[in-house]
Amino acid sequence: MIDIANPRDIDEDVENIGVKLFNIDDLRGIAYKNKELRENEVKEAEKNNRL
């Protein structure tokens, strides 16, 4: 489940019944990590293109 509300709408205890819960902070972290991976791929592609 994804809870992007502020304040949160979904109680974190749902994880006790096997529900994976993401909030806006989790999504920010995922987006930041993916952005870094893409930037590294661009650098690698540019380096390979110079060869």
PDB file of N, CA and C in Angstrom:
ATOM      1  N   MET A   1       0.842  -1.165   0.000  1.00  0.00           N
ATOM      2  CA  MET A   1       0.000   0.000   0.000  1.00  0.00           C
ATOM      3  C   MET A   1       0.895   1.238   0.000  1.00  0.00           C
ATOM      4  N   ILE A   2       0.395   2.287  -0.598  1.00  0.00           N
ATOM      5  CA  ILE A   2       1.132   3.540  -0.653  1.00  0.00           C
ATOM      6  C   ILE A   2       0.296   4.610   0.034  1.00  0.00           C
ATOM      7  N   ASP A   3       0.877   5.197   1.051  1.00  0.00           N
ATOM      8  CA  ASP A   3       0.198   6.242   1.818  1.00  0.00           C
ATOM      9  C   ASP A   3       0.928   7.556   1.587  1.00  0.00           C
ATOM     10  N   ILE A   4       0.342   8.419   0.755  1.00  0.00           N
ATOM     11  CA  ILE A   4       0.980   9.708   0.476  1.00  0.00           C
ATOM     12  C   ILE A   4       0.294  10.854   1.210  1.00  0.00           C
ATOM     13  N   ALA A   5      -0.608  10.521   2.105  1.00  0.00           N
ATOM     14  CA  ALA A   5      -1.338  11.553   2.851  1.00  0.00           C
ATOM     15  C   ALA A   5      -0.460  12.147   3.948  1.00  0.00           C
ATOM     16  N   ASN A   6      -0.800  13.369   4.307  1.00  0.00           N
ATOM     17  CA  ASN A   6      -0.139  14.027   5.429  1.00  0.00           C
ATOM     18  C   ASN A   6      -1.219  14.712   6.253  1.00  0.00           C
ATOM     19  N   PRO A   7      -1.558  14.235   7.433  1.00  0.00           N
ATOM     20  CA  PRO A   7      -0.921  13.125   8.153  1.00  0.00           C
ATOM     21  C   PRO A   7      -1.270  11.771   7.519  1.00  0.00           C
ATOM     22  N   ARG A   8      -0.534  10.776   7.923  1.00  0.00           N
ATOM     23  CA  ARG A   8      -0.686   9.437   7.369  1.00  0.00           C
ATOM     24  C   ARG A   8      -2.100   8.903   7.620  1.00  0.00           C
ATOM     25  N   ASP A   9      -2.627   8.192   6.621  1.00  0.00           N
ATOM     26  CA  ASP A   9      -3.957   7.589   6.744  1.00  0.00           C
ATOM     27  C   ASP A   9      -3.901   6.125   7.155  1.00  0.00           C
ATOM     28  N   ILE A  10      -2.803   5.455   6.825  1.00  0.00           N
ATOM     29  CA  ILE A  10      -2.700   4.015   7.057  1.00  0.00           C
ATOM     30  C   ILE A  10      -1.780   3.761   8.240  1.00  0.00           C
ATOM     31  N   ASP A  11      -2.266   3.005   9.191  1.00  0.00           N
ATOM     32  CA  ASP A  11      -1.478   2.679  10.378  1.00  0.00           C
ATOM     33  C   ASP A  11      -0.331   1.748  10.001  1.00  0.00           C
ATOM     34  N   GLU A  12       0.857   2.025  10.512  1.00  0.00           N
ATOM     35  CA  GLU A  12       2.034   1.205  10.215  1.00  0.00           C
ATOM     36  C   GLU A  12       1.885  -0.233  10.687  1.00  0.00           C
ATOM     37  N   ASP A  13       0.939  -0.492  11.579  1.00  0.00           N
ATOM     38  CA  ASP A  13       0.721  -1.847  12.081  1.00  0.00           C
ATOM     39  C   ASP A  13       0.234  -2.798  10.994  1.00  0.00           C
ATOM     40  N   VAL A  14      -0.199  -2.295   9.834  1.00  0.00           N
ATOM     41  CA  VAL A  14      -0.640  -3.194   8.761  1.00  0.00           C
ATOM     42  C   VAL A  14       0.504  -4.095   8.313  1.00  0.00           C
ATOM     43  N   GLU A  15       1.743  -3.669   8.544  1.00  0.00           N
ATOM     44  CA  GLU A  15       2.883  -4.514   8.179  1.00  0.00           C
ATOM     45  C   GLU A  15       2.897  -5.803   8.994  1.00  0.00           C
ATOM     46  N   ASN A  16       2.254  -5.797  10.169  1.00  0.00           N
ATOM     47  CA  ASN A  16       2.185  -6.999  11.008  1.00  0.00           C
ATOM     48  C   ASN A  16       1.336  -8.092  10.378  1.00  0.00           C
ATOM     49  N   ILE A  17       0.473  -7.726   9.420  1.00  0.00           N
ATOM     50  CA  ILE A  17      -0.365  -8.737   8.762  1.00  0.00           C
ATOM     51  C   ILE A  17       0.131  -9.019   7.340  1.00  0.00           C
ATOM     52  N   GLY A  18       1.367  -8.580   7.048  1.00  0.00           N
ATOM     53  CA  GLY A  18       1.979  -8.911   5.774  1.00  0.00           C
ATOM     54  C   GLY A  18       1.787  -7.892   4.665  1.00  0.00           C
ATOM     55  N   VAL A  19       1.276  -6.725   5.006  1.00  0.00           N
ATOM     56  CA  VAL A  19       1.089  -5.673   4.007  1.00  0.00           C
ATOM     57  C   VAL A  19       2.348  -4.830   3.946  1.00  0.00           C
ATOM     58  N   LYS A  20       2.877  -4.632   2.745  1.00  0.00           N
ATOM     59  CA  LYS A  20       4.036  -3.753   2.571  1.00  0.00           C
ATOM     60  C   LYS A  20       3.511  -2.330   2.436  1.00  0.00           C
ATOM     61  N   LEU A  21       3.998  -1.448   3.287  1.00  0.00           N
ATOM     62  CA  LEU A  21       3.523  -0.071   3.320  1.00  0.00           C
ATOM     63  C   LEU A  21       4.643   0.878   2.940  1.00  0.00           C
ATOM     64  N   PHE A  22       4.358   1.760   2.000  1.00  0.00           N
ATOM     65  CA  PHE A  22       5.283   2.805   1.591  1.00  0.00           C
ATOM     66  C   PHE A  22       4.639   4.150   1.887  1.00  0.00           C
ATOM     67  N   ASN A  23       5.457   5.093   2.367  1.00  0.00           N
ATOM     68  CA  ASN A  23       4.955   6.454   2.538  1.00  0.00           C
ATOM     69  C   ASN A  23       5.740   7.382   1.610  1.00  0.00           C
ATOM     70  N   ILE A  24       5.416   8.642   1.637  1.00  0.00           N
ATOM     71  CA  ILE A  24       6.033   9.596   0.713  1.00  0.00           C
ATOM     72  C   ILE A  24       7.545   9.662   0.914  1.00  0.00           C
ATOM     73  N   ASP A  25       8.016   9.495   2.137  1.00  0.00           N
ATOM     74  CA  ASP A  25       9.451   9.517   2.393  1.00  0.00           C
ATOM     75  C   ASP A  25      10.146   8.313   1.749  1.00  0.00           C
ATOM     76  N   ASP A  26       9.502   7.147   1.809  1.00  0.00           N
ATOM     77  CA  ASP A  26      10.044   5.964   1.142  1.00  0.00           C
ATOM     78  C   ASP A  26      10.143   6.202  -0.361  1.00  0.00           C
ATOM     79  N   LEU A  27       9.095   6.777  -0.926  1.00  0.00           N
ATOM     80  CA  LEU A  27       9.073   7.022  -2.370  1.00  0.00           C
ATOM     81  C   LEU A  27      10.136   8.034  -2.784  1.00  0.00           C
ATOM     82  N   ARG A  28      10.363   9.043  -1.957  1.00  0.00           N
ATOM     83  CA  ARG A  28      11.434  10.009  -2.241  1.00  0.00           C
ATOM     84  C   ARG A  28      12.786   9.317  -2.293  1.00  0.00           C
ATOM     85  N   GLY A  29      13.023   8.441  -1.330  1.00  0.00           N
ATOM     86  CA  GLY A  29      14.289   7.707  -1.284  1.00  0.00           C
ATOM     87  C   GLY A  29      14.480   6.824  -2.507  1.00  0.00           C
ATOM     88  N   ILE A  30      13.424   6.142  -2.916  1.00  0.00           N
ATOM     89  CA  ILE A  30      13.488   5.289  -4.102  1.00  0.00           C
ATOM     90  C   ILE A  30      13.764   6.141  -5.333  1.00  0.00           C
ATOM     91  N   ALA A  31      13.073   7.265  -5.449  1.00  0.00           N
ATOM     92  CA  ALA A  31      13.263   8.146  -6.604  1.00  0.00           C
ATOM     93  C   ALA A  31      14.686   8.692  -6.643  1.00  0.00           C
ATOM     94  N   TYR A  32      15.221   9.077  -5.493  1.00  0.00           N
ATOM     95  CA  TYR A  32      16.588   9.608  -5.430  1.00  0.00           C
ATOM     96  C   TYR A  32      17.597   8.549  -5.858  1.00  0.00           C
ATOM     97  N   LYS A  33      17.426   7.331  -5.359  1.00  0.00           N
ATOM     98  CA  LYS A  33      18.338   6.247  -5.706  1.00  0.00           C
ATOM     99  C   LYS A  33      18.278   5.963  -7.209  1.00  0.00           C
ATOM    100  N   ASN A  34      17.083   5.915  -7.771  1.00  0.00           N
ATOM    101  CA  ASN A  34      16.934   5.667  -9.206  1.00  0.00           C
ATOM    102  C   ASN A  34      17.540   6.792 -10.027  1.00  0.00           C
ATOM    103  N   LYS A  35      17.414   8.021  -9.557  1.00  0.00           N
ATOM    104  CA  LYS A  35      18.008   9.158 -10.268  1.00  0.00           C
ATOM    105  C   LYS A  35      19.531   9.018 -10.297  1.00  0.00           C
ATOM    106  N   GLU A  36      20.117   8.651  -9.173  1.00  0.00           N
ATOM    107  CA  GLU A  36      21.565   8.454  -9.122  1.00  0.00           C
ATOM    108  C   GLU A  36      22.005   7.346 -10.070  1.00  0.00           C
ATOM    109  N   LEU A  37      21.255   6.257 -10.128  1.00  0.00           N
ATOM    110  CA  LEU A  37      21.594   5.161 -11.030  1.00  0.00           C
ATOM    111  C   LEU A  37      21.546   5.625 -12.486  1.00  0.00           C
ATOM    112  N   ARG A  38      20.521   6.393 -12.840  1.00  0.00           N
ATOM    113  CA  ARG A  38      20.411   6.897 -14.214  1.00  0.00           C
ATOM    114  C   ARG A  38      21.552   7.846 -14.547  1.00  0.00           C
ATOM    115  N   GLU A  39      21.919   8.715 -13.601  1.00  0.00           N
ATOM    116  CA  GLU A  39      23.021   9.647 -13.835  1.00  0.00           C
ATOM    117  C   GLU A  39      24.335   8.898 -14.049  1.00  0.00           C
ATOM    118  N   ASN A  40      24.532   7.829 -13.287  1.00  0.00           N
ATOM    119  CA  ASN A  40      25.742   7.019 -13.461  1.00  0.00           C
ATOM    120  C   ASN A  40      25.747   6.326 -14.811  1.00  0.00           C
ATOM    121  N   GLU A  41      24.590   5.873 -15.266  1.00  0.00           N
ATOM    122  CA  GLU A  41      24.495   5.238 -16.583  1.00  0.00           C
ATOM    123  C   GLU A  41      24.819   6.241 -17.692  1.00  0.00           C
ATOM    124  N   VAL A  42      24.384   7.492 -17.539  1.00  0.00           N
ATOM    125  CA  VAL A  42      24.687   8.526 -18.526  1.00  0.00           C
ATOM    126  C   VAL A  42      26.192   8.746 -18.593  1.00  0.00           C
ATOM    127  N   LYS A  43      26.826   8.848 -17.435  1.00  0.00           N
ATOM    128  CA  LYS A  43      28.279   9.047 -17.401  1.00  0.00           C
ATOM    129  C   LYS A  43      28.999   7.888 -18.082  1.00  0.00           C
ATOM    130  N   GLU A  44      28.549   6.669 -17.820  1.00  0.00           N
ATOM    131  CA  GLU A  44      29.164   5.485 -18.409  1.00  0.00           C
ATOM    132  C   GLU A  44      28.962   5.484 -19.937  1.00  0.00           C
ATOM    133  N   ALA A  45      27.767   5.836 -20.370  1.00  0.00           N
ATOM    134  CA  ALA A  45      27.500   5.872 -21.811  1.00  0.00           C
ATOM    135  C   ALA A  45      28.339   6.947 -22.497  1.00  0.00           C
ATOM    136  N   GLU A  46      28.466   8.098 -21.858  1.00  0.00           N
ATOM    137  CA  GLU A  46      29.288   9.163 -22.440  1.00  0.00           C
ATOM    138  C   GLU A  46      30.755   8.745 -22.510  1.00  0.00           C
ATOM    139  N   LYS A  47      31.218   8.060 -21.488  1.00  0.00           N
ATOM    140  CA  LYS A  47      32.602   7.596 -21.477  1.00  0.00           C
ATOM    141  C   LYS A  47      32.830   6.574 -22.597  1.00  0.00           C
ATOM    142  N   ASN A  48      31.905   5.661 -22.773  1.00  0.00           N
ATOM    143  CA  ASN A  48      32.018   4.640 -23.817  1.00  0.00           C
ATOM    144  C   ASN A  48      31.884   5.240 -25.207  1.00  0.00           C
ATOM    145  N   ASN A  49      31.134   6.307 -25.324  1.00  0.00           N
ATOM    146  CA  ASN A  49      30.933   6.952 -26.628  1.00  0.00           C
ATOM    147  C   ASN A  49      32.220   7.641 -27.101  1.00  0.00           C
ATOM    148  N   ARG A  50      33.066   8.044 -26.175  1.00  0.00           N
ATOM    149  CA  ARG A  50      34.324   8.715 -26.525  1.00  0.00           C
ATOM    150  C   ARG A  50      35.362   7.749 -27.064  1.00  0.00           C
ATOM    151  N   LEU A  51      35.162   6.471 -26.822  1.00  0.00           N
ATOM    152  CA  LEU A  51      36.153   5.469 -27.252  1.00  0.00           C
ATOM    153  C   LEU A  51      36.141   5.291 -28.701  1.00  0.00           C
TER     154      LEU A  51
END
